[in-house]
Protein backbone atom coordinates (compact mmCIF):
# COMPACT_ATOMS: atom_id res chain seq x y z
CA UNK A 1 115.76 184.38 35.00
CA UNK A 2 117.68 182.94 37.94
CA UNK A 3 117.81 185.89 40.42
CA UNK A 4 121.48 185.19 41.24
CA UNK A 5 122.36 185.31 37.55
CA UNK A 6 120.37 188.54 37.18
CA UNK A 7 122.19 190.09 40.15
CA UNK A 8 125.71 189.43 38.80
CA UNK A 9 124.87 190.25 35.17
CA UNK A 10 123.25 193.51 36.24
CA UNK A 11 126.38 195.60 36.60
CA UNK A 12 129.92 195.16 35.44
CA UNK A 13 131.86 193.51 38.24
CA UNK A 14 135.11 193.82 36.24
CA UNK A 15 135.16 197.51 37.38
CA UNK A 16 135.29 196.38 41.02
CA UNK A 17 137.57 193.41 40.29
CA UNK A 18 140.26 195.81 39.06
CA UNK A 19 140.73 196.93 42.69
CA UNK A 20 141.10 193.28 43.80
CA UNK A 21 143.83 191.99 41.46
CA UNK A 22 146.82 192.46 43.76
CA UNK A 23 145.24 190.58 46.66
CA UNK A 24 144.00 187.88 44.26
CA UNK A 25 147.58 187.29 43.08
CA UNK A 26 148.89 187.21 46.67
CA UNK A 27 146.25 184.69 47.71
CA UNK A 28 147.09 182.43 44.76
CA UNK A 29 150.80 182.48 45.76
CA UNK A 30 149.77 180.86 49.08
CA UNK A 31 147.94 177.95 47.41
CA UNK A 32 151.04 175.95 46.50
CA UNK A 33 150.10 175.60 42.83
CA UNK A 34 152.33 173.42 40.69
CA UNK A 35 152.44 172.88 36.95
CA UNK A 36 149.59 170.76 35.62
CA UNK A 37 147.45 170.94 38.81
CA UNK A 38 143.79 170.71 37.79
CA UNK A 39 141.93 173.69 39.31
CA UNK A 40 138.28 174.64 39.32
CA UNK A 41 137.74 178.32 40.16
CA UNK A 42 134.08 178.62 41.13
CA UNK A 43 132.23 181.92 41.03
CA UNK A 44 135.39 183.16 39.35
CA UNK A 45 134.18 186.50 37.98
CA UNK A 46 136.58 187.61 35.26
CA UNK A 47 139.47 185.64 36.72
CA UNK A 48 140.98 187.59 39.65
CA UNK A 49 142.31 184.31 41.04
CA UNK A 50 141.84 182.05 37.97
CA UNK A 51 144.30 184.01 35.80
CA UNK A 52 147.13 183.95 38.40
CA UNK A 53 146.45 180.23 38.99
CA UNK A 54 146.94 179.57 35.28
CA UNK A 55 150.05 181.81 35.16
CA UNK A 56 151.45 179.65 38.00
CA UNK A 57 151.09 176.61 35.70
CA UNK A 58 147.71 175.11 36.72
CA UNK A 59 145.17 173.83 34.22
CA UNK A 60 142.24 176.08 35.18
CA UNK A 61 138.52 176.01 34.50
CA UNK A 62 136.69 179.12 35.69
CA UNK A 63 132.93 178.77 36.22
CA UNK A 64 130.64 181.72 36.83
CA UNK A 65 126.89 182.25 36.59
CA UNK A 66 127.24 185.62 34.80
CA UNK A 67 127.66 185.42 31.04
CA UNK A 68 129.31 188.86 30.82
CA UNK A 69 131.96 187.88 33.38
CA UNK A 70 132.66 184.56 31.60
CA UNK A 71 133.19 186.51 28.36
CA UNK A 72 135.46 188.99 30.17
CA UNK A 73 137.45 186.11 31.70
CA UNK A 74 138.00 184.38 28.35
CA UNK A 75 139.08 187.71 26.87
CA UNK A 76 141.62 188.26 29.70
CA UNK A 77 142.97 184.72 29.33
CA UNK A 78 143.50 185.38 25.63
CA UNK A 79 145.24 188.69 26.33
CA UNK A 80 147.65 186.85 28.70
CA UNK A 81 148.09 184.14 26.03
CA UNK A 82 146.95 181.45 28.48
CA UNK A 83 145.90 178.27 26.69
CA UNK A 84 145.58 176.54 30.11
CA UNK A 85 142.69 178.74 31.33
CA UNK A 86 139.13 178.80 30.09
CA UNK A 87 135.86 180.13 31.48
CA UNK A 88 132.35 178.81 31.12
CA UNK A 89 128.90 179.53 32.52
CA UNK A 90 127.64 177.41 35.39
CA UNK A 91 125.80 177.43 38.72
CA UNK A 92 127.76 176.51 41.85
CA UNK A 93 124.57 174.86 43.22
CA UNK A 94 124.50 172.41 40.31
CA UNK A 95 127.69 171.63 38.39
CA UNK A 96 125.87 169.06 36.27
CA UNK A 97 128.35 169.10 33.37
CA UNK A 98 131.41 168.43 35.57
CA UNK A 99 132.40 164.86 36.39
CA UNK A 100 133.03 163.44 39.86
CA UNK A 101 136.56 163.70 41.31
CA UNK A 102 137.94 165.78 38.43
CA UNK A 103 139.90 168.55 40.20
CA UNK A 104 142.94 168.59 42.49
CA UNK A 105 141.95 172.00 43.86
CA UNK A 106 138.61 173.81 43.97
CA UNK A 107 138.91 177.53 44.73
CA UNK A 108 136.04 179.94 45.41
CA UNK A 109 136.96 183.40 46.62
CA UNK A 110 133.80 185.42 47.35
CA UNK A 111 132.04 183.44 44.63
CA UNK A 112 130.15 180.30 45.61
CA UNK A 113 129.06 182.00 48.86
CA UNK A 114 126.57 184.04 46.78
CA UNK A 115 124.93 180.98 45.17
CA UNK A 116 121.58 179.90 46.63
CA UNK A 117 121.24 176.44 48.23
CA UNK A 118 124.46 176.39 50.27
CA UNK A 119 124.17 172.69 51.12
CA UNK A 120 124.05 171.91 47.39
CA UNK A 121 127.07 174.15 46.82
CA UNK A 122 129.11 172.24 49.45
CA UNK A 123 127.99 168.88 48.02
CA UNK A 124 128.94 169.88 44.46
CA UNK A 125 132.36 171.22 45.47
CA UNK A 126 133.11 167.98 47.34
CA UNK A 127 131.79 165.84 44.46
CA UNK A 128 134.07 167.34 41.81
CA UNK A 129 137.22 167.25 44.02
CA UNK A 130 139.40 164.18 43.75
CA UNK A 131 140.38 162.13 46.78
CA UNK A 132 143.33 163.86 48.47
CA UNK A 133 142.38 167.15 46.81
CA UNK A 134 141.58 170.45 48.48
CA UNK A 135 138.81 173.04 48.54
CA UNK A 136 139.70 176.63 49.46
CA UNK A 137 136.96 179.20 50.03
CA UNK A 138 137.15 182.89 50.90
CA UNK A 139 133.93 184.10 52.54
CA UNK A 140 132.95 187.49 53.90
CA UNK A 141 132.04 187.47 57.60
CA UNK A 142 128.63 188.77 58.78
CA UNK A 143 128.74 191.92 60.99
CA UNK A 144 132.51 192.15 60.58
CA UNK A 145 133.54 195.80 61.04
CA UNK A 146 135.59 195.84 57.79
CA UNK A 147 134.57 197.01 54.33
CA UNK A 148 132.55 194.38 52.48
CA UNK A 149 130.45 193.13 55.40
CA UNK A 150 129.58 196.79 56.14
CA UNK A 151 128.78 197.58 52.46
CA UNK A 152 126.36 194.63 52.37
CA UNK A 153 124.88 195.52 55.77
CA UNK A 154 124.30 199.16 54.80
CA UNK A 155 122.91 198.14 51.39
CA UNK A 156 120.51 195.67 53.02
CA UNK A 157 119.10 198.43 55.23
CA UNK A 158 118.05 200.40 52.13
CA UNK A 159 116.82 197.40 50.08
CA UNK A 160 113.43 195.64 50.13
CA UNK A 161 113.33 192.54 52.37
CA UNK A 162 114.58 189.37 50.66
CA UNK A 163 112.09 186.71 49.53
CA UNK A 164 110.93 183.93 51.86
CA UNK A 165 113.46 181.12 52.13
CA UNK A 166 116.40 183.37 51.22
CA UNK A 167 119.65 182.23 52.83
CA UNK A 168 122.09 185.13 53.25
CA UNK A 169 125.44 184.58 51.51
CA UNK A 170 127.06 185.96 54.68
CA UNK A 171 126.13 182.77 56.52
CA UNK A 172 129.17 181.20 54.76
CA UNK A 173 131.32 183.41 57.01
CA UNK A 174 130.21 181.52 60.16
CA UNK A 175 132.42 178.51 60.96
CA UNK A 176 129.60 176.31 62.38
CA UNK A 177 127.62 176.73 59.16
CA UNK A 178 130.63 175.76 57.06
CA UNK A 179 131.18 172.64 59.20
CA UNK A 180 127.50 171.71 58.90
CA UNK A 181 127.36 172.20 55.13
CA UNK A 182 130.52 170.23 54.36
CA UNK A 183 129.58 167.69 57.03
CA UNK A 184 126.34 166.98 55.16
CA UNK A 185 128.50 166.36 52.08
CA UNK A 186 130.45 163.70 54.02
CA UNK A 187 133.48 165.72 55.13
CA UNK A 188 134.53 165.15 58.76
CA UNK A 189 135.11 168.32 60.76
CA UNK A 190 138.76 167.49 61.38
CA UNK A 191 139.31 167.84 57.62
CA UNK A 192 138.13 171.48 57.71
CA UNK A 193 140.27 174.38 58.96
CA UNK A 194 139.75 178.13 59.22
CA UNK A 195 141.89 181.26 59.36
CA UNK A 196 141.02 184.96 59.32
CA UNK A 197 142.68 186.59 56.34
CA UNK A 198 142.79 190.03 54.73
CA UNK A 199 141.90 191.12 51.21
CA UNK A 200 142.81 194.67 50.21
CA UNK A 201 140.93 196.84 47.71
CA UNK A 202 143.44 199.11 45.93
CA UNK A 203 141.98 201.81 43.75
CA UNK A 204 143.84 204.61 41.96
CA UNK A 205 141.37 207.34 42.92
CA UNK A 206 139.69 208.81 45.99
CA UNK A 207 137.35 206.65 48.13
CA UNK A 208 134.30 208.58 46.85
CA UNK A 209 135.14 207.38 43.33
CA UNK A 210 135.32 203.76 44.51
CA UNK A 211 131.88 204.28 46.12
CA UNK A 212 130.71 205.53 42.73
CA UNK A 213 132.02 202.34 41.06
CA UNK A 214 130.08 200.22 43.58
CA UNK A 215 126.96 202.34 42.95
CA UNK A 216 127.20 201.91 39.18
CA UNK A 217 128.62 198.40 38.74
CA UNK A 218 128.13 196.14 41.84
CA UNK A 219 124.76 194.33 41.82
CA UNK A 220 123.93 194.48 45.56
CA UNK A 221 124.71 198.22 45.86
CA UNK A 222 122.98 198.96 42.54
CA UNK A 223 119.81 197.36 43.95
CA UNK A 224 120.15 199.31 47.21
CA UNK A 225 120.46 202.62 45.31
CA UNK A 226 117.47 201.81 43.11
CA UNK A 227 115.35 201.19 46.22
CA UNK A 228 116.78 204.25 48.02
CA UNK A 229 115.98 206.50 45.01
CA UNK A 230 112.35 205.42 45.12
CA UNK A 231 112.21 206.36 48.82
CA UNK A 232 114.12 209.62 48.40
CA UNK A 233 117.01 208.23 50.44
CA UNK A 234 119.75 207.84 47.82
CA UNK A 235 121.69 210.81 49.21
CA UNK A 236 121.64 209.21 52.70
CA UNK A 237 122.97 205.91 51.28
CA UNK A 238 125.69 207.72 49.33
CA UNK A 239 126.76 209.62 52.46
CA UNK A 240 126.79 206.49 54.60
CA UNK A 241 128.94 204.58 52.10
CA UNK A 242 131.32 207.50 51.56
CA UNK A 243 131.73 207.77 55.35
CA UNK A 244 132.52 204.07 55.53
CA UNK A 245 135.06 204.13 52.68
CA UNK A 246 136.78 207.28 53.94
CA UNK A 247 137.05 205.96 57.50
CA UNK A 248 138.58 202.66 56.36
CA UNK A 249 140.97 204.04 53.74
CA UNK A 250 144.58 203.31 54.77
CA UNK A 251 146.26 204.95 51.77
CA UNK A 252 148.85 207.64 52.64
CA UNK A 253 148.00 209.34 49.34
CA UNK A 254 144.71 211.24 49.65
CA UNK A 255 144.02 210.69 45.92
CA UNK A 256 144.12 206.89 46.14
CA UNK A 257 142.29 204.20 48.09
CA UNK A 258 143.57 201.15 49.93
CA UNK A 259 141.02 199.42 52.15
CA UNK A 260 141.67 196.07 53.87
CA UNK A 261 138.74 193.72 54.46
CA UNK A 262 138.74 190.68 56.74
CA UNK A 263 137.41 187.35 55.44
CA UNK A 264 137.12 183.76 56.59
CA UNK A 265 139.46 181.48 54.70
CA UNK A 266 138.26 177.88 54.66
CA UNK A 267 140.35 174.85 53.73
CA UNK A 268 138.76 171.46 53.20
CA UNK A 269 140.79 168.29 52.56
CA UNK A 270 138.88 165.64 50.57
CA UNK A 271 139.50 162.07 51.64
């Protein structure tokens, strides 16, 4: 099995996505979506941004590598009675069943960054975007002091080394890499812009319970805990993550969690 597919089908990312809904909706409000806009949401999970895009009137196709998340997305679209939103399986590195220049807007918020072959990902996103269309990516930033970069950094320290040739998803959070990847797909650097943005994880329980959700349901942390258990270090990993979540929690209510995380927001204009 494709290791990326295995990673995201391993847990149940919908349990984490519940803490991301509010920021997903806020991000979509900033995209200037109008009725009938054709949107591809790539690495969409169960629709944290795809569902609000459709509710804003866009005609949305969500594509994700994980079958369980595609099923969850289609179920959510049905619950919201959205006939203009559907989800299907696909690999951001190879969108072979999507035609050239089909979409007005391609969105990938913490999705396509996890696909292998980043140059292929950039090429495919550009290929399926129509002339005059836009690509918007949200990418976590390596070594950033905020939540997700630190979760992935801590998890990596407890996990076995990655295979030869592995390209870290975090490299999408470096502006020069983004320019190089889209440049190789024919996009001039003046058509690419960057801003630092914030995504907040809101969870209706204590930080330790959000750590528990990451331990049970988020592929990268699940792998880290499996490795740590074999080495007798699971308690250390748990303590390190709980320390991180507690120190970054901004909620005034001690029984709830609100943790902001900084990301690189990328906008590409297709000519």
